[in-house]
Amino acid sequence: MNPKALIEGPPRREVPILLRQTSFKALEEPVMFAGEHRGTHSARFGEIEQRAWR
C-alpha cells in the first residue's frame, strides 16, 4: 500500500494531541460494469478495514 506524502491528523496545538498517523492512498480495485465495461473503483482505507469485520 502506498502512503500519502503527508501525515494527517488534527492541526498542531500548543498542547499536542497524539493521534497523528500515516494515511494511505485509496486502493484501486477492478470493477466490471453492466455491458461488460471495465473500470476501477478507489475505496477509502476505512472501507477496506471494515470489510475484515463483516
N, C-alpha and C. Protein backbone atom coordinates (compact mmCIF):
# COMPACT_ATOMS: atom_id res chain seq x y z
N MET A 1 0.85 -1.18 0.00
CA MET A 1 0.00 0.00 0.00
C MET A 1 0.89 1.24 0.00
N ASN A 2 0.51 2.23 -0.77
CA ASN A 2 1.28 3.45 -0.87
C ASN A 2 0.83 4.48 0.16
N PRO A 3 1.74 4.97 1.00
CA PRO A 3 1.35 6.02 1.96
C PRO A 3 1.24 7.37 1.26
N LYS A 4 0.42 8.24 1.83
CA LYS A 4 0.33 9.61 1.34
C LYS A 4 1.62 10.34 1.71
N ALA A 5 1.91 11.43 1.02
CA ALA A 5 3.15 12.17 1.25
C ALA A 5 3.16 12.87 2.61
N LEU A 6 2.00 13.25 3.12
CA LEU A 6 1.92 13.99 4.38
C LEU A 6 1.22 13.16 5.45
N ILE A 7 1.66 13.33 6.69
CA ILE A 7 0.98 12.71 7.83
C ILE A 7 -0.29 13.51 8.09
N GLU A 8 -1.42 12.83 8.28
CA GLU A 8 -2.68 13.52 8.53
C GLU A 8 -3.08 13.37 9.98
N GLY A 9 -3.86 14.31 10.45
CA GLY A 9 -4.35 14.28 11.82
C GLY A 9 -4.82 15.66 12.21
N PRO A 10 -5.13 15.85 13.48
CA PRO A 10 -5.60 17.16 13.91
C PRO A 10 -4.51 18.22 13.73
N PRO A 11 -4.90 19.50 13.57
CA PRO A 11 -3.89 20.55 13.43
C PRO A 11 -3.03 20.64 14.69
N ARG A 12 -1.80 21.11 14.52
CA ARG A 12 -0.90 21.26 15.66
C ARG A 12 -1.46 22.26 16.65
N ARG A 13 -1.28 21.98 17.94
CA ARG A 13 -1.78 22.83 19.02
C ARG A 13 -0.65 23.10 20.01
N GLU A 14 -0.91 24.00 20.93
CA GLU A 14 0.08 24.29 21.97
C GLU A 14 0.36 23.03 22.80
N VAL A 15 -0.69 22.29 23.12
CA VAL A 15 -0.55 21.00 23.81
C VAL A 15 -0.87 19.94 22.76
N PRO A 16 0.11 19.12 22.38
CA PRO A 16 -0.10 18.18 21.27
C PRO A 16 -1.16 17.11 21.58
N ILE A 17 -1.89 16.75 20.54
CA ILE A 17 -2.82 15.62 20.59
C ILE A 17 -2.11 14.49 19.84
N LEU A 18 -1.92 13.38 20.48
CA LEU A 18 -1.11 12.31 19.90
C LEU A 18 -1.96 11.32 19.11
N LEU A 19 -2.61 11.82 18.06
CA LEU A 19 -3.46 10.98 17.22
C LEU A 19 -2.99 10.93 15.77
N ARG A 20 -1.85 11.52 15.49
CA ARG A 20 -1.39 11.59 14.12
C ARG A 20 -0.98 10.20 13.64
N GLN A 21 -1.24 9.90 12.38
CA GLN A 21 -0.90 8.60 11.84
C GLN A 21 -0.62 8.71 10.36
N THR A 22 0.05 7.72 9.84
CA THR A 22 0.30 7.68 8.41
C THR A 22 -1.01 7.35 7.70
N SER A 23 -1.32 8.08 6.65
CA SER A 23 -2.53 7.82 5.86
C SER A 23 -2.12 7.16 4.55
N PHE A 24 -2.99 6.31 4.06
CA PHE A 24 -2.69 5.59 2.83
C PHE A 24 -3.59 6.05 1.70
N LYS A 25 -3.05 6.00 0.48
CA LYS A 25 -3.83 6.35 -0.70
C LYS A 25 -4.89 5.27 -0.91
N ALA A 26 -5.97 5.66 -1.56
CA ALA A 26 -7.06 4.72 -1.83
C ALA A 26 -6.57 3.60 -2.74
N LEU A 27 -7.05 2.39 -2.48
CA LEU A 27 -6.73 1.25 -3.33
C LEU A 27 -7.60 1.28 -4.57
N GLU A 28 -7.02 0.97 -5.72
CA GLU A 28 -7.81 0.87 -6.95
C GLU A 28 -8.14 -0.60 -7.17
N GLU A 29 -9.43 -0.88 -7.26
CA GLU A 29 -9.88 -2.25 -7.47
C GLU A 29 -10.58 -2.35 -8.82
N PRO A 30 -10.35 -3.43 -9.56
CA PRO A 30 -11.04 -3.60 -10.84
C PRO A 30 -12.53 -3.82 -10.63
N VAL A 31 -13.34 -3.26 -11.53
CA VAL A 31 -14.80 -3.39 -11.46
C VAL A 31 -15.31 -3.73 -12.85
N MET A 32 -16.30 -4.63 -12.93
CA MET A 32 -16.95 -4.94 -14.20
C MET A 32 -18.34 -4.32 -14.15
N PHE A 33 -18.58 -3.34 -15.02
CA PHE A 33 -19.87 -2.66 -15.07
C PHE A 33 -20.81 -3.39 -16.02
N ALA A 34 -22.10 -3.05 -15.97
CA ALA A 34 -23.09 -3.65 -16.87
C ALA A 34 -22.65 -3.43 -18.32
N GLY A 35 -22.89 -4.42 -19.15
CA GLY A 35 -22.48 -4.30 -20.55
C GLY A 35 -21.01 -4.63 -20.75
N GLU A 36 -20.40 -5.27 -19.77
CA GLU A 36 -19.01 -5.71 -19.84
C GLU A 36 -17.99 -4.58 -19.95
N HIS A 37 -18.36 -3.40 -19.47
CA HIS A 37 -17.40 -2.29 -19.43
C HIS A 37 -16.52 -2.47 -18.20
N ARG A 38 -15.23 -2.32 -18.38
CA ARG A 38 -14.29 -2.46 -17.27
C ARG A 38 -13.89 -1.09 -16.74
N GLY A 39 -13.58 -1.04 -15.46
CA GLY A 39 -13.14 0.21 -14.85
C GLY A 39 -12.50 -0.10 -13.50
N THR A 40 -12.28 0.94 -12.72
CA THR A 40 -11.72 0.76 -11.38
C THR A 40 -12.50 1.59 -10.39
N HIS A 41 -12.43 1.17 -9.14
CA HIS A 41 -13.07 1.88 -8.03
C HIS A 41 -11.99 2.13 -6.99
N SER A 42 -11.92 3.35 -6.48
CA SER A 42 -10.95 3.68 -5.43
C SER A 42 -11.68 3.71 -4.09
N ALA A 43 -11.39 2.73 -3.24
CA ALA A 43 -12.02 2.65 -1.93
C ALA A 43 -11.15 3.35 -0.89
N ARG A 44 -11.79 4.09 0.02
CA ARG A 44 -11.05 4.69 1.12
C ARG A 44 -10.53 3.57 2.01
N PHE A 45 -9.40 3.83 2.70
CA PHE A 45 -8.78 2.80 3.53
C PHE A 45 -9.74 2.30 4.60
N GLY A 46 -10.55 3.17 5.18
CA GLY A 46 -11.51 2.77 6.20
C GLY A 46 -12.50 1.74 5.66
N GLU A 47 -12.87 1.87 4.39
CA GLU A 47 -13.78 0.89 3.79
C GLU A 47 -13.11 -0.47 3.73
N ILE A 48 -11.82 -0.49 3.42
CA ILE A 48 -11.09 -1.75 3.34
C ILE A 48 -11.01 -2.39 4.73
N GLU A 49 -10.74 -1.58 5.75
CA GLU A 49 -10.67 -2.11 7.12
C GLU A 49 -12.01 -2.71 7.54
N GLN A 50 -13.13 -2.06 7.17
CA GLN A 50 -14.45 -2.54 7.58
C GLN A 50 -14.76 -3.90 6.98
N ARG A 51 -14.25 -4.19 5.81
CA ARG A 51 -14.53 -5.47 5.16
C ARG A 51 -14.05 -6.64 6.00
N ALA A 52 -12.99 -6.45 6.74
CA ALA A 52 -12.45 -7.53 7.57
C ALA A 52 -13.39 -7.87 8.73
N TRP A 53 -14.24 -6.95 9.12
CA TRP A 53 -15.12 -7.15 10.29
C TRP A 53 -16.52 -7.60 9.89
N ARG A 54 -16.79 -7.80 8.62
CA ARG A 54 -18.13 -8.22 8.19
C ARG A 54 -18.25 -9.71 8.14
